[in-house]
Amino acid sequence: MRKTGTLKKAVLCVFLFFLFFPAGCKSGAKTEERTVAVGAKHFTEQEILGEIMAQMIERNTGIKVERRFNLGGTMVCFSALKTGDIDLYAEYTGTGLVNILGMKAINDADETYNTVKRIFRKKFNLVWLPHFGFNNTYTLTMRKEQAAKLRVKKISDLARYADRLQPGFDAEFLERPDGYRGLSKTYGFVFKKGPKQMDPGLMYKALAERAVDVIDGFATDGRIPAYNLAVLDDDKGFFPPYYAAPLVSERTLAKYPELRTVLGRLGGLIDNETMQRMNFSVDKEERRPADVAHEFLVSRGLISGD
C-alpha cells in the first residue's frame, strides 16, 4: 500500500508540474527575437538614410535590424512594405502622392505631407513619421559652361534647344507621371533626340563627359557640385515637394511602439546641404554609407561615438 500511495503522489506531482510549467517555459527554451527589416531603394541617398534609421534603432532600442538595401525602385520597396517583407524604408512625399497614389502634384509641402499621411494610413495601414527635413526634389541638370553659353537658366529655356540637346534619364523618371511625360506636357516641348535610358549611378558622369547634355537629377545629390553642374529652375512649378520620411507599417509600430519615438527624433534634423554633403562623401570620397550615417548621428548626439 505504501508503494501504491507513493506512486500516486509521484503521478500527481508530475501532473502539477506540467500544469503550472508548460513545455514552452522549460529552461533553455528560445524566446522570440526582436527584429525589424529596414529597406532602401537602389541609390546612395537611400542607403545612407537606411543606415541612419537602422543605427538609431539598434543603438536606442536593442532591436536587431536586418538591412535589405538596393531593392530597386519605388514600387519594389512599397510592395515589400505592404507584404511585410520589410518593416520600414525612407519614402518621399511627392513620390507617395504622384507615383503611388496617382494624384496630381501639390506644390505646398505641408499639404503634400498631410495628404499622403492621411491616405496611406487609411488605405494601406502605413504610417508616415516626421520627415527628415530636406526636400530632394527632381531637377533638370546641365554642365555649367554649356548652360551659360546657351543662356539656359530655367527649364522653359530648353524649348529653344529641344531639337539638338541629348537628354539622358533614368528608367523611373521616364515612366512616372511626375517625370518626363508630365514635364513635357507642362512645358510644351519634347526632345527631338529621344532620351537615353541610363542607370542613375552613371548619369552624372555621362553628363560631365559630354555623352549627354541634360539629365534628371536630385536637389540633394552631392555630384552636382562635384561635377560643376547647373540646376535649372523649375519655373512652372512642375515638380512637387519630395520630403523624405520614414514610412512604417502599422503592424510594426504596434509590435514595437518605441520606434515611433526613436525615429521621430530624426525629424527636421537633415537640411538639403547636409544631405548633399553626405551623398558627396559616399559618391565622390568613396566612404561607406554606414560610416557616413554613424558620423552624422554622433555629431547630433543621437548615438555614442564608440
Protein backbone atom coordinates (compact mmCIF):
# COMPACT_ATOMS: atom_id res chain seq x y z
CA MET A 1 0.00 0.00 0.00
CA ARG A 2 2.82 2.38 0.77
CA LYS A 3 4.28 1.78 -2.69
CA THR A 4 0.90 2.42 -4.30
CA GLY A 5 0.46 5.64 -2.33
CA THR A 6 3.93 6.79 -3.23
CA LEU A 7 3.25 6.12 -6.92
CA LYS A 8 0.02 8.13 -6.79
CA LYS A 9 1.85 11.05 -5.21
CA ALA A 10 4.54 10.90 -7.88
CA VAL A 11 1.97 10.93 -10.68
CA LEU A 12 0.21 13.87 -9.03
CA CYS A 13 3.47 15.80 -8.77
CA VAL A 14 4.25 15.22 -12.45
CA PHE A 15 0.73 16.37 -13.39
CA LEU A 16 1.02 19.54 -11.34
CA PHE A 17 4.46 20.29 -12.79
CA PHE A 18 3.22 20.23 -16.39
CA LEU A 19 0.06 22.10 -15.42
CA PHE A 20 1.91 25.09 -13.96
CA PHE A 21 5.15 24.89 -16.00
CA PRO A 22 4.24 24.30 -19.67
CA ALA A 23 6.79 23.00 -22.13
CA GLY A 24 7.45 26.45 -23.57
CA CYS A 25 8.82 27.63 -20.23
CA LYS A 26 11.44 24.95 -19.89
CA SER A 27 14.92 26.14 -19.06
CA GLY A 28 16.84 26.99 -22.23
CA ALA A 29 13.73 27.47 -24.45
CA LYS A 30 14.16 30.16 -27.12
CA THR A 31 12.21 33.44 -26.95
CA GLU A 32 11.07 35.36 -30.00
CA GLU A 33 13.83 37.57 -31.37
CA ARG A 34 13.07 41.29 -31.68
CA THR A 35 13.88 42.10 -35.30
CA VAL A 36 12.85 44.65 -37.91
CA ALA A 37 13.79 44.79 -41.59
CA VAL A 38 14.83 48.20 -42.96
CA GLY A 39 14.64 48.58 -46.72
CA ALA A 40 16.16 51.05 -49.19
CA LYS A 41 15.93 51.85 -52.90
CA HIS A 42 18.87 51.50 -55.23
CA PHE A 43 20.73 54.79 -54.88
CA THR A 44 23.19 56.38 -52.47
CA GLU A 45 20.86 58.66 -50.51
CA GLN A 46 18.52 55.78 -49.76
CA GLU A 47 21.34 53.63 -48.40
CA ILE A 48 22.52 56.48 -46.15
CA LEU A 49 19.00 57.06 -44.82
CA GLY A 50 18.54 53.33 -44.35
CA GLU A 51 21.73 53.22 -42.29
CA ILE A 52 20.70 56.25 -40.24
CA MET A 53 17.39 54.60 -39.32
CA ALA A 54 18.97 51.18 -38.74
CA GLN A 55 21.67 52.53 -36.42
CA MET A 56 19.16 54.65 -34.50
CA ILE A 57 17.07 51.54 -33.89
CA GLU A 58 20.00 49.30 -32.96
CA ARG A 59 21.63 51.79 -30.60
CA ASN A 60 18.47 53.05 -28.88
CA THR A 61 16.11 50.08 -28.66
CA GLY A 62 18.13 46.87 -28.70
CA ILE A 63 16.04 45.65 -31.62
CA LYS A 64 18.02 43.72 -34.20
CA VAL A 65 17.95 45.20 -37.71
CA GLU A 66 18.06 43.32 -40.99
CA ARG A 67 19.27 45.60 -43.78
CA ARG A 68 17.59 44.98 -47.12
CA PHE A 69 19.10 47.70 -49.28
CA ASN A 70 19.28 48.24 -53.06
CA LEU A 71 15.89 46.61 -53.50
CA GLY A 72 15.10 48.53 -56.68
CA GLY A 73 12.74 51.42 -57.44
CA THR A 74 9.76 52.88 -55.62
CA MET A 75 7.18 50.20 -56.32
CA VAL A 76 9.54 47.39 -55.31
CA CYS A 77 10.07 48.92 -51.86
CA PHE A 78 6.43 49.90 -51.48
CA SER A 79 5.23 46.39 -52.35
CA ALA A 80 7.76 44.86 -49.95
CA LEU A 81 6.45 47.10 -47.17
CA LYS A 82 2.83 46.17 -47.84
CA THR A 83 3.55 42.44 -47.90
CA GLY A 84 5.70 42.54 -44.76
CA ASP A 85 8.99 41.66 -46.45
CA ILE A 86 10.33 44.88 -44.90
CA ASP A 87 9.02 46.89 -41.95
CA LEU A 88 10.08 50.41 -42.98
CA TYR A 89 12.01 52.44 -45.52
CA ALA A 90 12.50 56.11 -46.39
CA GLU A 91 9.98 57.43 -48.90
CA TYR A 92 9.46 60.87 -50.45
CA THR A 93 6.21 62.78 -50.09
CA GLY A 94 5.98 63.75 -53.76
CA THR A 95 6.62 60.15 -54.79
CA GLY A 96 3.93 58.93 -52.43
CA LEU A 97 1.43 61.44 -53.76
CA VAL A 98 2.03 61.19 -57.51
CA ASN A 99 3.76 57.88 -58.17
CA ILE A 100 1.99 55.65 -55.62
CA LEU A 101 -1.40 57.32 -55.13
CA GLY A 102 -1.66 58.59 -58.71
CA MET A 103 -2.78 62.04 -57.59
CA LYS A 104 -1.89 65.40 -59.10
CA ALA A 105 1.11 67.20 -57.68
CA ILE A 106 0.56 69.66 -54.84
CA ASN A 107 3.14 72.44 -54.60
CA ASP A 108 2.57 73.11 -50.89
CA ALA A 109 4.96 70.94 -48.86
CA ASP A 110 2.79 70.68 -45.72
CA GLU A 111 -0.33 69.85 -47.69
CA THR A 112 1.54 67.17 -49.62
CA TYR A 113 2.83 65.58 -46.40
CA ASN A 114 -0.54 65.72 -44.65
CA THR A 115 -2.30 64.25 -47.69
CA VAL A 116 -0.06 61.21 -48.01
CA LYS A 117 -0.03 60.75 -44.25
CA ARG A 118 -3.84 60.60 -44.11
CA ILE A 119 -4.44 58.45 -47.18
CA PHE A 120 -1.62 55.95 -46.60
CA ARG A 121 -2.89 55.29 -43.07
CA LYS A 122 -6.46 54.76 -44.24
CA LYS A 123 -5.74 52.85 -47.46
CA PHE A 124 -2.61 50.85 -46.70
CA ASN A 125 -2.18 50.84 -42.89
CA LEU A 126 1.16 52.59 -43.37
CA VAL A 127 2.41 55.47 -41.25
CA TRP A 128 4.47 58.50 -42.32
CA LEU A 129 6.62 59.60 -39.39
CA PRO A 130 8.05 63.17 -39.18
CA HIS A 131 10.15 63.93 -42.25
CA PHE A 132 13.91 64.33 -42.03
CA GLY A 133 13.84 67.99 -43.11
CA PHE A 134 15.30 68.06 -46.62
CA ASN A 135 13.49 68.34 -49.95
CA ASN A 136 15.09 66.09 -52.55
CA THR A 137 13.01 67.35 -55.43
CA TYR A 138 13.68 66.37 -59.01
CA THR A 139 15.73 68.76 -61.13
CA LEU A 140 16.99 69.01 -64.68
CA THR A 141 20.74 69.50 -64.72
CA MET A 142 23.31 70.61 -67.31
CA ARG A 143 27.03 71.34 -67.45
CA LYS A 144 27.54 74.87 -66.16
CA GLU A 145 29.60 76.04 -69.13
CA GLN A 146 27.06 74.77 -71.65
CA ALA A 147 24.12 76.26 -69.75
CA ALA A 148 25.93 79.61 -69.59
CA LYS A 149 26.82 79.51 -73.31
CA LEU A 150 23.21 78.77 -74.31
CA ARG A 151 21.81 81.13 -71.65
CA VAL A 152 19.71 78.38 -70.18
CA LYS A 153 18.74 79.12 -66.61
CA LYS A 154 15.30 77.57 -66.32
CA ILE A 155 13.54 74.54 -67.76
CA SER A 156 11.38 76.58 -70.12
CA ASP A 157 14.60 77.86 -71.77
CA LEU A 158 15.27 74.33 -73.02
CA ALA A 159 12.43 74.63 -75.54
CA ARG A 160 14.73 76.69 -77.81
CA TYR A 161 17.25 73.83 -77.97
CA ALA A 162 14.97 70.78 -77.78
CA ASP A 163 15.90 69.84 -81.34
CA ARG A 164 19.62 69.41 -80.65
CA LEU A 165 20.24 68.62 -76.98
CA GLN A 166 20.64 64.97 -75.98
CA PRO A 167 18.87 64.09 -72.70
CA GLY A 168 19.70 61.13 -70.51
CA PHE A 169 17.09 59.98 -67.97
CA ASP A 170 16.80 57.00 -65.64
CA ALA A 171 14.05 54.43 -66.23
CA GLU A 172 11.84 55.56 -63.36
CA PHE A 173 11.91 59.21 -64.47
CA LEU A 174 10.85 58.11 -67.97
CA GLU A 175 7.88 56.15 -66.61
CA ARG A 176 6.45 58.12 -63.71
CA PRO A 177 3.77 60.80 -64.23
CA ASP A 178 5.86 63.41 -62.40
CA GLY A 179 8.77 62.58 -64.72
CA TYR A 180 9.47 63.21 -68.39
CA ARG A 181 5.92 62.63 -69.68
CA GLY A 182 4.35 65.12 -67.31
CA LEU A 183 7.25 67.55 -67.69
CA SER A 184 6.87 67.59 -71.50
CA LYS A 185 3.15 68.25 -71.20
CA THR A 186 3.59 71.06 -68.67
CA TYR A 187 6.43 72.80 -70.54
CA GLY A 188 5.12 72.11 -74.04
CA PHE A 189 8.16 70.54 -75.66
CA VAL A 190 9.82 67.16 -76.24
CA PHE A 191 13.44 66.48 -77.07
CA LYS A 192 13.89 65.57 -80.73
CA LYS A 193 16.66 63.19 -79.75
CA GLY A 194 14.86 60.63 -77.67
CA PRO A 195 16.16 60.39 -74.09
CA LYS A 196 18.82 57.78 -73.48
CA GLN A 197 17.77 55.47 -70.66
CA MET A 198 20.60 55.46 -68.15
CA ASP A 199 21.50 53.97 -64.80
CA PRO A 200 21.06 56.69 -62.13
CA GLY A 201 24.55 55.96 -60.85
CA LEU A 202 26.10 56.76 -64.24
CA MET A 203 24.13 59.79 -65.39
CA TYR A 204 26.23 62.49 -63.73
CA LYS A 205 29.48 61.12 -65.08
CA ALA A 206 27.93 60.79 -68.54
CA LEU A 207 26.85 64.43 -68.39
CA ALA A 208 30.28 65.60 -67.25
CA GLU A 209 31.91 63.61 -70.04
CA ARG A 210 29.53 65.11 -72.66
CA ALA A 211 27.82 61.83 -73.53
CA VAL A 212 24.51 63.62 -72.83
CA ASP A 213 23.52 67.28 -72.38
CA VAL A 214 20.63 67.18 -69.88
CA ILE A 215 19.84 64.72 -67.09
CA ASP A 216 17.24 64.36 -64.40
CA GLY A 217 18.84 64.89 -61.03
CA PHE A 218 18.05 65.31 -57.36
CA ALA A 219 18.47 68.53 -55.41
CA THR A 220 20.49 66.86 -52.65
CA ASP A 221 22.86 64.91 -54.89
CA GLY A 222 26.48 65.57 -53.96
CA ARG A 223 27.60 65.03 -57.54
CA ILE A 224 26.04 68.35 -58.63
CA PRO A 225 28.80 70.50 -57.09
CA ALA A 226 31.38 67.76 -57.61
CA TYR A 227 30.92 67.84 -61.38
CA ASN A 228 30.34 71.62 -61.51
CA LEU A 229 26.78 71.27 -62.81
CA ALA A 230 23.94 73.76 -63.08
CA VAL A 231 20.45 73.06 -61.74
CA LEU A 232 17.71 74.56 -63.93
CA ASP A 233 14.92 76.48 -62.26
CA ASP A 234 11.54 74.71 -62.36
CA ASP A 235 9.86 77.97 -63.40
CA LYS A 236 6.41 76.40 -63.91
CA GLY A 237 6.49 74.57 -60.58
CA PHE A 238 6.02 71.14 -62.11
CA PHE A 239 7.92 69.04 -59.60
CA PRO A 240 6.12 68.51 -56.27
CA PRO A 241 7.92 68.63 -52.89
CA TYR A 242 9.88 65.47 -52.13
CA TYR A 243 10.46 65.50 -48.37
CA ALA A 244 11.93 62.19 -47.21
CA ALA A 245 10.43 60.48 -44.16
CA PRO A 246 10.34 57.04 -42.53
CA LEU A 247 7.38 55.06 -43.88
CA VAL A 248 6.48 52.30 -41.41
CA SER A 249 3.79 49.63 -41.30
CA GLU A 250 1.19 49.95 -38.55
CA ARG A 251 1.76 46.35 -37.50
CA THR A 252 5.43 47.11 -36.86
CA LEU A 253 4.61 50.16 -34.74
CA ALA A 254 2.05 48.12 -32.80
CA LYS A 255 4.68 45.48 -32.09
CA TYR A 256 7.49 47.95 -31.37
CA PRO A 257 5.88 51.25 -30.30
CA GLU A 258 9.26 52.65 -29.25
CA LEU A 259 10.16 53.03 -32.94
CA ARG A 260 7.81 55.99 -33.23
CA THR A 261 9.77 57.94 -30.62
CA VAL A 262 13.24 56.83 -31.73
CA LEU A 263 12.73 57.57 -35.42
CA GLY A 264 10.75 60.70 -34.58
CA ARG A 265 13.94 62.17 -33.12
CA LEU A 266 15.28 62.42 -36.67
CA GLY A 267 12.51 64.81 -37.68
CA GLY A 268 13.82 68.07 -39.15
CA LEU A 269 17.49 67.25 -38.49
CA ILE A 270 18.76 66.95 -42.08
CA ASP A 271 18.67 70.01 -44.36
CA ASN A 272 19.45 69.97 -48.08
CA GLU A 273 23.10 70.96 -47.62
CA THR A 274 23.71 68.26 -45.00
CA MET A 275 22.17 65.57 -47.17
CA GLN A 276 24.15 66.77 -50.17
CA ARG A 277 27.40 66.57 -48.18
CA MET A 278 26.63 63.04 -47.02
CA ASN A 279 25.84 61.95 -50.57
CA PHE A 280 29.09 63.54 -51.75
CA SER A 281 31.06 61.66 -49.08
CA VAL A 282 29.84 58.36 -50.49
CA ASP A 283 29.76 59.10 -54.21
CA LYS A 284 32.99 61.06 -54.60
CA GLU A 285 35.06 60.36 -51.49
CA GLU A 286 34.10 56.67 -51.64
CA ARG A 287 33.24 56.40 -47.97
CA ARG A 288 30.93 53.67 -46.68
CA PRO A 289 27.29 54.75 -46.17
CA ALA A 290 27.37 53.12 -42.73
CA ASP A 291 30.33 55.29 -41.68
CA VAL A 292 28.75 58.49 -43.02
CA ALA A 293 25.50 57.71 -41.22
CA HIS A 294 27.35 56.92 -37.98
CA GLU A 295 29.30 60.18 -38.17
CA PHE A 296 26.09 62.17 -38.65
CA LEU A 297 24.30 60.51 -35.72
CA VAL A 298 27.28 61.01 -33.41
CA SER A 299 27.56 64.69 -34.42
CA ARG A 300 23.92 65.21 -33.43
CA GLY A 301 24.31 63.39 -30.12
CA LEU A 302 21.86 60.69 -31.12
CA ILE A 303 24.24 57.78 -30.55
CA SER A 304 27.56 57.36 -28.79
CA GLY A 305 30.79 57.52 -30.76
CA ASP A 306 32.13 54.12 -29.70
